[in-house]
């Protein structure tokens, strides 16, 4: 594994993860990434879609 000095990882960095949507409720979506299910707020729809 190597580091790229052009794109250092810092606090508040953006990362891209792919997962399986397990459930969608009124204001949250539950996504399985690896063996974990995480809850994401639907209030930030652009963030979930990957739009800037």
N, C-alpha and C. Protein backbone atom coordinates (compact mmCIF):
# COMPACT_ATOMS: atom_id res chain seq x y z
N UNK A 1 0.84 -1.18 0.00
CA UNK A 1 0.00 0.00 0.00
C UNK A 1 0.89 1.24 0.00
N UNK A 2 0.58 2.16 -0.88
CA UNK A 2 1.37 3.38 -0.96
C UNK A 2 0.47 4.58 -0.73
N UNK A 3 1.08 5.69 -0.36
CA UNK A 3 0.32 6.92 -0.19
C UNK A 3 0.55 7.81 -1.39
N UNK A 4 -0.43 8.61 -1.71
CA UNK A 4 -0.35 9.54 -2.83
C UNK A 4 -0.30 10.95 -2.27
N UNK A 5 0.84 11.64 -2.46
CA UNK A 5 1.00 12.97 -1.88
C UNK A 5 0.06 13.99 -2.52
N UNK A 6 -0.49 13.70 -3.69
CA UNK A 6 -1.40 14.62 -4.35
C UNK A 6 -2.76 14.67 -3.65
N UNK A 7 -3.18 13.57 -3.05
CA UNK A 7 -4.49 13.48 -2.43
C UNK A 7 -4.35 12.95 -1.01
N UNK A 8 -3.79 13.72 -0.08
CA UNK A 8 -3.63 13.22 1.29
C UNK A 8 -4.98 13.06 1.98
N UNK A 9 -5.09 12.09 2.87
CA UNK A 9 -6.31 11.90 3.65
C UNK A 9 -6.23 12.82 4.86
N UNK A 10 -7.24 13.63 5.03
CA UNK A 10 -7.30 14.56 6.15
C UNK A 10 -8.67 14.45 6.81
N UNK A 11 -8.83 15.13 7.94
CA UNK A 11 -10.14 15.19 8.58
C UNK A 11 -11.12 15.85 7.61
N UNK A 12 -12.32 15.35 7.53
CA UNK A 12 -13.38 15.83 6.64
C UNK A 12 -13.08 15.53 5.17
N UNK A 13 -12.24 14.52 4.89
CA UNK A 13 -12.01 14.10 3.51
C UNK A 13 -13.24 13.37 2.98
N UNK A 14 -13.42 13.38 1.69
CA UNK A 14 -14.52 12.66 1.06
C UNK A 14 -14.02 11.29 0.61
N UNK A 15 -14.80 10.25 0.92
CA UNK A 15 -14.48 8.90 0.46
C UNK A 15 -15.70 8.33 -0.24
N UNK A 16 -15.48 7.34 -1.07
CA UNK A 16 -16.57 6.69 -1.79
C UNK A 16 -16.65 5.23 -1.37
N UNK A 17 -17.81 4.82 -0.91
CA UNK A 17 -18.03 3.44 -0.51
C UNK A 17 -19.26 2.90 -1.22
N UNK A 18 -19.21 1.64 -1.63
CA UNK A 18 -20.37 1.01 -2.24
C UNK A 18 -20.93 0.00 -1.27
N UNK A 19 -22.25 -0.06 -1.19
CA UNK A 19 -22.88 -0.99 -0.27
C UNK A 19 -24.24 -1.42 -0.79
N UNK A 20 -24.91 -2.26 -0.03
CA UNK A 20 -26.22 -2.78 -0.39
C UNK A 20 -27.26 -2.09 0.49
N UNK A 21 -28.25 -1.47 -0.13
CA UNK A 21 -29.32 -0.83 0.63
C UNK A 21 -30.19 -1.92 1.24
N UNK A 22 -30.29 -1.93 2.56
CA UNK A 22 -31.06 -2.94 3.28
C UNK A 22 -32.46 -2.46 3.63
N UNK A 23 -32.61 -1.18 3.93
CA UNK A 23 -33.92 -0.65 4.31
C UNK A 23 -33.94 0.85 4.07
N UNK A 24 -35.13 1.37 3.72
CA UNK A 24 -35.34 2.81 3.57
C UNK A 24 -36.54 3.18 4.42
N UNK A 25 -36.34 4.11 5.32
CA UNK A 25 -37.43 4.60 6.16
C UNK A 25 -37.71 6.04 5.79
N UNK A 26 -38.60 6.68 6.51
CA UNK A 26 -39.02 8.04 6.17
C UNK A 26 -37.85 9.01 6.06
N UNK A 27 -36.90 8.93 6.97
CA UNK A 27 -35.82 9.92 6.96
C UNK A 27 -34.42 9.32 6.99
N UNK A 28 -34.29 8.00 6.85
CA UNK A 28 -32.97 7.36 6.85
C UNK A 28 -32.92 6.21 5.85
N UNK A 29 -31.71 5.88 5.45
CA UNK A 29 -31.47 4.70 4.62
C UNK A 29 -30.41 3.87 5.34
N UNK A 30 -30.62 2.56 5.37
CA UNK A 30 -29.70 1.64 6.05
C UNK A 30 -28.94 0.86 4.97
N UNK A 31 -27.61 0.98 5.01
CA UNK A 31 -26.75 0.41 3.97
C UNK A 31 -25.78 -0.57 4.61
N UNK A 32 -25.64 -1.74 3.97
CA UNK A 32 -24.66 -2.72 4.44
C UNK A 32 -23.37 -2.53 3.67
N UNK A 33 -22.29 -2.27 4.40
CA UNK A 33 -20.95 -2.15 3.82
C UNK A 33 -20.08 -3.15 4.56
N UNK A 34 -19.63 -4.16 3.86
CA UNK A 34 -18.92 -5.24 4.53
C UNK A 34 -19.88 -5.97 5.45
N UNK A 35 -19.50 -6.20 6.68
CA UNK A 35 -20.37 -6.86 7.63
C UNK A 35 -21.16 -5.91 8.51
N UNK A 36 -21.08 -4.62 8.25
CA UNK A 36 -21.74 -3.62 9.09
C UNK A 36 -22.90 -2.96 8.35
N UNK A 37 -23.95 -2.65 9.08
CA UNK A 37 -25.05 -1.86 8.52
C UNK A 37 -24.99 -0.49 9.16
N UNK A 38 -24.91 0.54 8.31
CA UNK A 38 -24.83 1.91 8.81
C UNK A 38 -26.10 2.66 8.40
N UNK A 39 -26.46 3.65 9.16
CA UNK A 39 -27.64 4.46 8.91
C UNK A 39 -27.20 5.83 8.40
N UNK A 40 -27.78 6.25 7.28
CA UNK A 40 -27.45 7.55 6.69
C UNK A 40 -28.72 8.38 6.59
N UNK A 41 -28.65 9.67 6.87
CA UNK A 41 -29.84 10.53 6.79
C UNK A 41 -30.21 10.83 5.33
N UNK A 42 -31.49 10.74 5.01
CA UNK A 42 -31.96 11.10 3.68
C UNK A 42 -32.01 12.61 3.49
N UNK A 43 -31.87 13.38 4.58
CA UNK A 43 -31.92 14.84 4.49
C UNK A 43 -30.77 15.39 3.65
N UNK A 44 -29.68 14.64 3.52
CA UNK A 44 -28.54 15.06 2.71
C UNK A 44 -28.51 14.20 1.44
N UNK A 45 -29.54 14.30 0.63
CA UNK A 45 -29.71 13.47 -0.56
C UNK A 45 -28.56 13.62 -1.55
N UNK A 46 -28.08 14.84 -1.76
CA UNK A 46 -26.97 15.06 -2.70
C UNK A 46 -25.72 14.30 -2.27
N UNK A 47 -25.46 14.26 -0.96
CA UNK A 47 -24.30 13.55 -0.45
C UNK A 47 -24.44 12.05 -0.75
N UNK A 48 -25.63 11.50 -0.54
CA UNK A 48 -25.83 10.07 -0.78
C UNK A 48 -25.71 9.72 -2.26
N UNK A 49 -26.09 10.64 -3.13
CA UNK A 49 -26.00 10.40 -4.58
C UNK A 49 -24.59 10.63 -5.12
N UNK A 50 -23.74 11.28 -4.34
CA UNK A 50 -22.39 11.57 -4.80
C UNK A 50 -22.28 12.87 -5.56
N UNK A 51 -23.32 13.70 -5.53
CA UNK A 51 -23.28 14.99 -6.21
C UNK A 51 -22.53 16.00 -5.35
N UNK A 52 -21.90 16.95 -6.01
CA UNK A 52 -21.20 18.01 -5.27
C UNK A 52 -22.11 19.17 -4.99
